N, C-alpha and C. Protein backbone atom coordinates (compact mmCIF):
# COMPACT_ATOMS: atom_id res chain seq x y z
N MET A 1 -2.04 16.54 0.00
CA MET A 1 -2.72 15.56 0.82
C MET A 1 -1.67 14.62 1.42
N THR A 2 -1.77 14.42 2.71
CA THR A 2 -0.89 13.49 3.41
C THR A 2 -1.62 12.16 3.57
N PRO A 3 -1.01 11.06 3.12
CA PRO A 3 -1.68 9.76 3.25
C PRO A 3 -1.67 9.26 4.69
N THR A 4 -2.54 8.32 4.95
CA THR A 4 -2.61 7.64 6.24
C THR A 4 -1.86 6.32 6.12
N ARG A 5 -1.03 6.00 7.11
CA ARG A 5 -0.29 4.74 7.11
C ARG A 5 -1.21 3.64 7.63
N LEU A 6 -1.34 2.57 6.88
CA LEU A 6 -2.12 1.41 7.28
C LEU A 6 -1.18 0.26 7.62
N GLN A 7 -1.54 -0.53 8.60
CA GLN A 7 -0.80 -1.75 8.95
C GLN A 7 -1.79 -2.91 8.78
N LEU A 8 -1.48 -3.82 7.89
CA LEU A 8 -2.35 -4.96 7.61
C LEU A 8 -1.73 -6.20 8.24
N GLN A 9 -2.34 -6.68 9.31
CA GLN A 9 -1.79 -7.84 10.02
C GLN A 9 -2.45 -9.11 9.50
N LEU A 10 -1.66 -9.95 8.86
CA LEU A 10 -2.10 -11.24 8.36
C LEU A 10 -1.61 -12.30 9.34
N PRO A 11 -2.03 -13.56 9.20
CA PRO A 11 -1.62 -14.57 10.19
C PRO A 11 -0.11 -14.66 10.43
N ASN A 12 0.70 -14.61 9.40
CA ASN A 12 2.15 -14.74 9.58
C ASN A 12 2.93 -13.61 8.95
N LEU A 13 2.27 -12.48 8.72
CA LEU A 13 2.91 -11.40 7.97
C LEU A 13 2.23 -10.08 8.27
N ARG A 14 3.01 -9.03 8.39
CA ARG A 14 2.47 -7.67 8.53
C ARG A 14 2.89 -6.88 7.31
N LEU A 15 1.89 -6.31 6.62
CA LEU A 15 2.16 -5.46 5.46
C LEU A 15 1.79 -4.02 5.81
N SER A 16 2.50 -3.10 5.21
CA SER A 16 2.25 -1.68 5.43
C SER A 16 1.78 -1.06 4.11
N ALA A 17 0.96 -0.03 4.21
CA ALA A 17 0.46 0.64 3.02
C ALA A 17 0.16 2.10 3.34
N LEU A 18 0.04 2.90 2.31
CA LEU A 18 -0.40 4.28 2.42
C LEU A 18 -1.79 4.38 1.82
N GLU A 19 -2.71 5.05 2.53
CA GLU A 19 -4.08 5.22 2.05
C GLU A 19 -4.33 6.69 1.72
N TYR A 20 -4.87 6.91 0.56
CA TYR A 20 -5.23 8.25 0.09
C TYR A 20 -6.73 8.28 -0.17
N GLY A 21 -7.38 9.33 0.25
CA GLY A 21 -8.78 9.52 -0.10
C GLY A 21 -9.78 8.89 0.86
N GLY A 22 -9.35 7.94 1.66
CA GLY A 22 -10.25 7.32 2.63
C GLY A 22 -11.49 6.73 1.98
N ASP A 23 -12.60 6.75 2.69
CA ASP A 23 -13.86 6.18 2.20
C ASP A 23 -14.83 7.25 1.70
N ARG A 24 -14.33 8.40 1.33
CA ARG A 24 -15.24 9.49 0.95
C ARG A 24 -15.87 9.31 -0.42
N HIS A 25 -15.39 8.34 -1.21
CA HIS A 25 -15.93 8.10 -2.54
C HIS A 25 -16.86 6.90 -2.50
N GLY A 26 -17.96 6.99 -3.24
CA GLY A 26 -18.95 5.93 -3.23
C GLY A 26 -18.60 4.79 -4.17
N ALA A 27 -19.58 3.90 -4.36
CA ALA A 27 -19.40 2.71 -5.18
C ALA A 27 -19.16 3.05 -6.65
N ASP A 28 -19.50 4.27 -7.07
CA ASP A 28 -19.26 4.69 -8.46
C ASP A 28 -17.78 4.80 -8.76
N HIS A 29 -16.98 4.91 -7.72
CA HIS A 29 -15.53 5.11 -7.87
C HIS A 29 -14.80 3.99 -7.14
N PRO A 30 -14.49 2.90 -7.83
CA PRO A 30 -13.85 1.76 -7.17
C PRO A 30 -12.48 2.12 -6.61
N PRO A 31 -12.05 1.41 -5.55
CA PRO A 31 -10.71 1.65 -5.00
C PRO A 31 -9.63 1.23 -5.99
N VAL A 32 -8.46 1.82 -5.83
CA VAL A 32 -7.32 1.53 -6.69
C VAL A 32 -6.16 1.06 -5.80
N LEU A 33 -5.53 -0.05 -6.19
CA LEU A 33 -4.36 -0.57 -5.48
C LEU A 33 -3.13 -0.30 -6.33
N LEU A 34 -2.14 0.39 -5.75
CA LEU A 34 -0.89 0.68 -6.45
C LEU A 34 0.22 -0.21 -5.90
N LEU A 35 1.02 -0.79 -6.79
CA LEU A 35 2.15 -1.62 -6.41
C LEU A 35 3.42 -1.02 -6.99
N HIS A 36 4.42 -0.86 -6.15
CA HIS A 36 5.68 -0.26 -6.58
C HIS A 36 6.58 -1.29 -7.25
N GLY A 37 7.68 -0.81 -7.84
CA GLY A 37 8.66 -1.69 -8.48
C GLY A 37 9.57 -2.38 -7.47
N GLN A 38 10.44 -3.22 -7.96
CA GLN A 38 11.30 -4.08 -7.14
C GLN A 38 12.13 -3.30 -6.11
N ALA A 39 12.74 -2.21 -6.49
CA ALA A 39 13.66 -1.51 -5.59
C ALA A 39 13.03 -0.26 -4.97
N ASP A 40 11.72 -0.17 -4.94
CA ASP A 40 11.03 1.02 -4.45
C ASP A 40 10.21 0.72 -3.21
N LEU A 41 9.34 1.66 -2.87
CA LEU A 41 8.41 1.51 -1.76
C LEU A 41 7.14 2.29 -2.08
N ALA A 42 6.16 2.22 -1.22
CA ALA A 42 4.85 2.82 -1.49
C ALA A 42 4.96 4.31 -1.82
N TRP A 43 5.86 5.02 -1.18
CA TRP A 43 6.02 6.46 -1.43
C TRP A 43 6.40 6.77 -2.87
N ALA A 44 6.99 5.82 -3.58
CA ALA A 44 7.36 6.04 -4.98
C ALA A 44 6.12 6.30 -5.84
N MET A 45 4.97 5.83 -5.39
CA MET A 45 3.72 6.00 -6.13
C MET A 45 2.95 7.25 -5.71
N HIS A 46 3.53 8.07 -4.84
CA HIS A 46 2.85 9.25 -4.29
C HIS A 46 2.28 10.19 -5.36
N PRO A 47 3.04 10.58 -6.39
CA PRO A 47 2.45 11.49 -7.40
C PRO A 47 1.25 10.89 -8.11
N VAL A 48 1.30 9.61 -8.42
CA VAL A 48 0.19 8.93 -9.07
C VAL A 48 -1.01 8.86 -8.12
N ALA A 49 -0.73 8.51 -6.86
CA ALA A 49 -1.79 8.39 -5.86
C ALA A 49 -2.52 9.72 -5.66
N LEU A 50 -1.78 10.81 -5.64
CA LEU A 50 -2.40 12.13 -5.47
C LEU A 50 -3.38 12.43 -6.59
N GLU A 51 -3.02 12.10 -7.81
CA GLU A 51 -3.91 12.34 -8.95
C GLU A 51 -5.18 11.47 -8.86
N LEU A 52 -4.99 10.21 -8.52
CA LEU A 52 -6.12 9.29 -8.46
C LEU A 52 -7.04 9.54 -7.26
N ALA A 53 -6.50 10.08 -6.19
CA ALA A 53 -7.26 10.26 -4.94
C ALA A 53 -8.40 11.27 -5.08
N ALA A 54 -8.37 12.08 -6.11
CA ALA A 54 -9.47 13.02 -6.31
C ALA A 54 -10.77 12.29 -6.61
N ARG A 55 -10.67 11.06 -7.14
CA ARG A 55 -11.88 10.32 -7.52
C ARG A 55 -11.95 8.91 -6.95
N HIS A 56 -10.89 8.45 -6.29
CA HIS A 56 -10.85 7.07 -5.82
C HIS A 56 -10.20 6.98 -4.44
N ARG A 57 -10.54 5.93 -3.73
CA ARG A 57 -9.75 5.55 -2.55
C ARG A 57 -8.54 4.82 -3.09
N VAL A 58 -7.35 5.25 -2.72
CA VAL A 58 -6.11 4.69 -3.25
C VAL A 58 -5.31 4.05 -2.12
N ILE A 59 -4.87 2.83 -2.33
CA ILE A 59 -3.99 2.13 -1.39
C ILE A 59 -2.68 1.86 -2.13
N SER A 60 -1.60 2.37 -1.59
CA SER A 60 -0.26 2.14 -2.15
C SER A 60 0.47 1.21 -1.20
N LEU A 61 0.67 -0.02 -1.64
CA LEU A 61 1.18 -1.08 -0.78
C LEU A 61 2.71 -1.12 -0.76
N ASP A 62 3.28 -1.32 0.43
CA ASP A 62 4.71 -1.65 0.56
C ASP A 62 4.80 -3.17 0.45
N LEU A 63 5.42 -3.67 -0.60
CA LEU A 63 5.55 -5.11 -0.78
C LEU A 63 6.41 -5.71 0.33
N ARG A 64 6.36 -7.02 0.45
CA ARG A 64 7.15 -7.73 1.47
C ARG A 64 8.61 -7.33 1.40
N GLY A 65 9.18 -7.00 2.58
CA GLY A 65 10.58 -6.64 2.64
C GLY A 65 10.88 -5.20 2.29
N HIS A 66 9.86 -4.39 2.09
CA HIS A 66 10.05 -2.99 1.72
C HIS A 66 9.44 -2.09 2.80
N CYS A 67 10.15 -1.01 3.11
CA CYS A 67 9.72 0.00 4.09
C CYS A 67 9.28 -0.68 5.40
N GLU A 68 8.01 -0.50 5.80
CA GLU A 68 7.55 -1.03 7.09
C GLU A 68 6.90 -2.41 7.00
N SER A 69 6.87 -3.03 5.82
CA SER A 69 6.34 -4.39 5.68
C SER A 69 7.39 -5.39 6.16
N ASP A 70 6.91 -6.51 6.70
CA ASP A 70 7.82 -7.54 7.21
C ASP A 70 8.75 -8.08 6.12
N GLN A 71 9.94 -8.45 6.55
CA GLN A 71 10.90 -9.10 5.67
C GLN A 71 10.47 -10.55 5.44
N PRO A 72 10.77 -11.10 4.25
CA PRO A 72 10.49 -12.52 4.04
C PRO A 72 11.34 -13.38 5.00
N VAL A 73 10.77 -14.47 5.42
CA VAL A 73 11.49 -15.40 6.29
C VAL A 73 12.10 -16.48 5.40
N ALA A 74 13.38 -16.74 5.60
CA ALA A 74 14.06 -17.77 4.81
C ALA A 74 13.48 -19.13 5.14
N ALA A 75 13.31 -19.94 4.13
CA ALA A 75 12.80 -21.30 4.34
C ALA A 75 13.84 -22.15 5.03
N VAL A 76 13.38 -23.00 5.92
CA VAL A 76 14.29 -23.90 6.64
C VAL A 76 14.22 -25.26 5.97
N HIS A 77 15.37 -25.74 5.51
CA HIS A 77 15.42 -27.06 4.85
C HIS A 77 16.07 -28.04 5.82
N ARG A 78 15.44 -29.18 5.98
CA ARG A 78 15.99 -30.22 6.87
C ARG A 78 16.24 -31.48 6.12
């Protein structure tokens, strides 16, 4: 299964994620959000997502500053 790339546009930030399974599962099967480790990206969770996608909609998020998600903006001190 090839995931779909999602782009989540927030007011000051764009996050990227991979979606597995879409909306084909009903309310009996809640969605699952996967978060990768510090030095990884959403694709690192691919084997886990494939297993879970048989019964759940799975979103594997690229955290801020990883893969296609926006980099953090440095705070400006005056």
